[in-house]
Protein backbone atom coordinates (compact mmCIF):
# COMPACT_ATOMS: atom_id res chain seq x y z
CA MET A 1 10.32 44.09 23.87
CA PRO A 2 9.92 45.32 20.24
CA TYR A 3 12.91 43.15 19.28
CA ILE A 4 11.22 40.06 20.67
CA LYS A 5 7.98 40.77 18.77
CA ARG A 6 9.92 41.44 15.56
CA GLY A 7 11.89 38.20 16.05
CA LEU A 8 8.74 36.15 16.64
CA LEU A 9 7.07 37.68 13.58
CA SER A 10 10.13 36.91 11.46
CA MET A 11 10.28 33.31 12.69
CA THR A 12 6.54 32.80 12.12
CA THR A 13 6.79 34.19 8.58
CA LEU A 14 9.81 32.02 7.85
CA GLY A 15 7.94 28.98 9.20
CA LEU A 16 5.06 29.57 6.81
CA PHE A 17 7.42 29.33 3.84
CA VAL A 18 9.69 26.54 5.06
CA ILE A 19 7.42 24.01 6.80
CA PRO A 20 5.10 23.12 3.87
CA ASN A 21 8.11 22.41 1.65
CA LEU A 22 9.74 20.19 4.25
CA THR A 23 6.68 17.98 4.68
CA ASN A 24 6.53 17.30 0.95
CA ALA A 25 10.25 16.71 0.45
CA HIS A 26 11.53 13.29 -0.60
CA LEU A 27 14.82 11.92 0.69
CA MET A 28 15.59 10.37 -2.70
CA VAL A 29 14.20 10.52 -6.22
CA ALA A 30 11.93 7.52 -6.92
CA ASP A 31 13.81 4.41 -8.07
CA HIS A 32 17.23 5.97 -7.42
CA GLY A 33 19.88 5.32 -4.85
CA THR A 34 23.34 6.20 -3.58
CA LEU A 35 26.15 4.22 -2.04
CA ASN A 36 28.75 6.31 -0.24
CA PHE A 37 31.98 4.47 0.63
CA VAL A 38 33.77 5.88 3.69
CA ASP A 39 36.69 3.77 4.94
CA ASN A 40 35.21 0.29 5.52
CA ASN A 41 31.60 1.55 5.76
CA VAL A 42 29.09 1.98 2.95
CA PHE A 43 26.13 4.28 3.55
CA ILE A 44 23.01 3.65 1.49
CA VAL A 45 19.97 5.69 0.52
CA LEU A 46 17.56 3.90 -1.84
CA SER A 47 13.99 4.63 -2.92
CA ILE A 48 11.99 1.44 -3.46
CA PRO A 49 8.44 1.36 -4.91
CA MET A 50 5.87 0.08 -2.41
CA SER A 51 4.56 -2.25 -5.10
CA ALA A 52 7.79 -4.28 -4.69
CA PHE A 53 6.50 -5.47 -1.30
CA LYS A 54 3.88 -8.15 -1.82
CA GLY A 55 1.14 -8.66 0.78
CA VAL A 56 1.28 -5.14 2.27
CA ASP A 57 -1.85 -3.90 0.46
CA GLU A 58 -4.29 -5.73 2.75
CA ASP A 59 -7.52 -4.39 1.24
CA LYS A 60 -6.26 -5.08 -2.32
CA ASP A 61 -7.21 -1.58 -3.54
CA GLY A 62 -3.87 -1.09 -5.30
CA LYS A 63 -2.73 1.49 -2.72
CA VAL A 64 -0.79 1.23 0.52
CA SER A 65 -2.03 3.41 3.36
CA ILE A 66 0.13 4.50 6.29
CA VAL A 67 -1.87 2.09 8.48
CA GLU A 68 -1.02 -0.83 6.15
CA PHE A 69 2.62 0.31 5.99
CA ASN A 70 2.92 0.46 9.79
CA ALA A 71 1.23 -2.93 10.20
CA HIS A 72 3.83 -4.52 7.89
CA LYS A 73 6.90 -2.51 8.88
CA LYS A 74 8.75 -5.52 10.38
CA GLN A 75 8.00 -7.61 7.28
CA ILE A 76 9.23 -4.78 5.00
CA SER A 77 12.45 -4.47 7.06
CA LYS A 78 13.10 -8.22 6.80
CA ARG A 79 12.59 -8.15 3.03
CA VAL A 80 14.96 -5.20 2.65
CA LYS A 81 17.66 -6.88 4.76
CA LYS A 82 17.32 -10.08 2.74
CA ASN A 83 17.08 -8.51 -0.73
CA VAL A 84 19.21 -5.31 -0.67
CA TYR A 85 22.81 -6.20 0.12
CA LEU A 86 26.48 -6.01 -0.75
CA ALA A 87 28.43 -9.19 -1.45
CA ASP A 88 31.99 -10.17 -2.21
CA HIS A 89 33.16 -13.57 -3.43
CA GLN A 90 32.66 -15.09 0.05
CA TYR A 91 30.20 -13.07 2.12
CA LYS A 92 26.85 -11.32 2.00
CA PHE A 93 26.86 -8.01 3.92
CA THR A 94 23.47 -7.00 5.27
CA ILE A 95 22.36 -3.51 6.18
CA ASP A 96 22.81 -2.21 9.73
CA GLY A 97 20.75 0.56 11.33
CA LEU A 98 18.00 0.26 8.72
CA LEU A 99 15.52 3.14 8.68
CA LEU A 100 12.35 3.12 6.58
CA ASN A 101 10.84 6.41 5.44
CA PRO A 102 7.42 6.07 3.74
CA GLU A 103 6.90 8.62 0.96
CA ALA A 104 3.44 9.74 -0.18
CA SER A 105 2.72 10.14 -3.87
CA HIS A 106 2.74 13.72 -5.20
CA THR A 107 0.99 12.81 -8.44
CA HIS A 108 -2.14 11.29 -6.91
CA LYS A 109 -2.69 13.96 -4.20
CA SER A 110 -3.30 11.35 -1.52
CA ASN A 111 -1.74 10.06 1.66
CA ASN A 112 -1.07 6.65 0.13
CA ILE A 113 2.51 5.42 0.27
CA ASP A 114 4.11 5.29 -3.18
CA GLN A 115 7.78 4.74 -2.26
CA VAL A 116 9.77 3.76 0.80
CA THR A 117 13.21 5.31 1.14
CA ILE A 118 15.67 3.19 3.06
CA THR A 119 18.82 4.39 4.78
CA GLY A 120 21.46 2.42 6.59
CA ARG A 121 25.06 1.26 6.63
CA TYR A 122 27.04 -1.77 5.56
CA SER A 123 30.27 -2.68 7.39
CA LEU A 124 32.99 -4.26 5.26
CA PRO A 125 36.03 -6.13 6.62
CA SER A 126 38.36 -3.64 4.93
CA LYS A 127 38.11 -0.49 2.83
CA LEU A 128 39.72 -2.44 -0.02
CA THR A 129 36.93 -5.05 -0.20
CA LYS A 130 35.55 -5.29 -3.74
CA VAL A 131 31.78 -5.81 -3.70
CA ASN A 132 28.71 -6.21 -5.84
CA PHE A 133 25.53 -4.32 -5.00
CA ASN A 134 22.42 -6.53 -5.18
CA VAL A 135 18.73 -5.62 -5.23
CA LYS A 136 16.04 -8.29 -5.56
CA LEU A 137 12.98 -6.09 -4.84
CA PHE A 138 11.24 -5.02 -8.03
CA SER A 139 7.73 -3.82 -8.79
CA ASN A 140 5.40 -5.65 -11.14
CA ASN A 141 4.85 -2.26 -12.82
CA GLU A 142 7.04 -2.22 -15.94
CA HIS A 143 7.90 1.47 -15.48
CA LYS A 144 9.26 0.86 -11.97
CA GLN A 145 11.53 -2.08 -12.74
CA HIS A 146 14.87 -0.32 -12.55
CA TYR A 147 17.10 1.47 -10.08
CA GLN A 148 19.61 4.19 -10.99
CA ILE A 149 22.50 3.88 -8.52
CA THR A 150 25.40 6.27 -7.95
CA ALA A 151 28.32 4.97 -5.89
CA THR A 152 31.03 7.32 -4.63
CA ASN A 153 34.29 6.98 -2.77
CA LYS A 154 35.61 10.51 -2.21
CA THR A 155 38.85 9.31 -0.63
CA GLN A 156 39.79 7.36 -3.76
CA LYS A 157 38.05 9.90 -6.05
CA LEU A 158 35.84 7.20 -7.57
CA THR A 159 32.30 7.49 -8.92
CA HIS A 160 30.32 4.75 -10.60
CA GLN A 161 26.79 5.01 -11.98
CA PHE A 162 24.86 1.90 -12.94
CA GLU A 163 21.35 0.54 -13.39
CA LEU A 164 19.81 -2.55 -11.82
CA THR A 165 16.85 -4.42 -13.37
CA PRO A 166 15.13 -7.77 -12.75
CA THR A 167 17.29 -9.34 -15.48
CA SER A 168 20.45 -7.67 -14.13
CA PRO A 169 19.87 -7.32 -10.36
CA PHE A 170 23.50 -6.74 -9.33
CA SER A 171 26.58 -4.83 -10.40
CA LYS A 172 30.20 -4.63 -9.39
CA VAL A 173 30.56 -1.29 -7.65
CA PHE A 174 34.17 -0.23 -8.39
């Protein structure tokens, strides 16, 4: 019995230190992203500013609440699928298994959504397919008009870092 009490106390104490940090953690740094090439699949994680999605801020207060985000989730997904893609010289590859993770702002101490981190996968016809990465979702805020992208292919020992902006919204990956 003393072992059970000691174990519960240890787990409770650990929970007090771990849980608050997990709820505030971001999946990706704001305005950054990764592309991980594995065989003929490309896995994406990208943080997009909420201000890149027009019409989501229904009350026009300059902030997006979780209620507004949830009300426009399908619209946000459609915009991501249309505007964040890989392309070769013939085809546009859209994201499969798209997940949206709303991220609250740490600087404004509120529950308003500042960024949305997307995750998903692109399927290419072959692992040798050469592609461009394209993003056409940019904020009107001058300071949020860029994405820092890191692409990796561990099998081929390749890494490529590049920046996307409204004037240069795509880049050849490798």
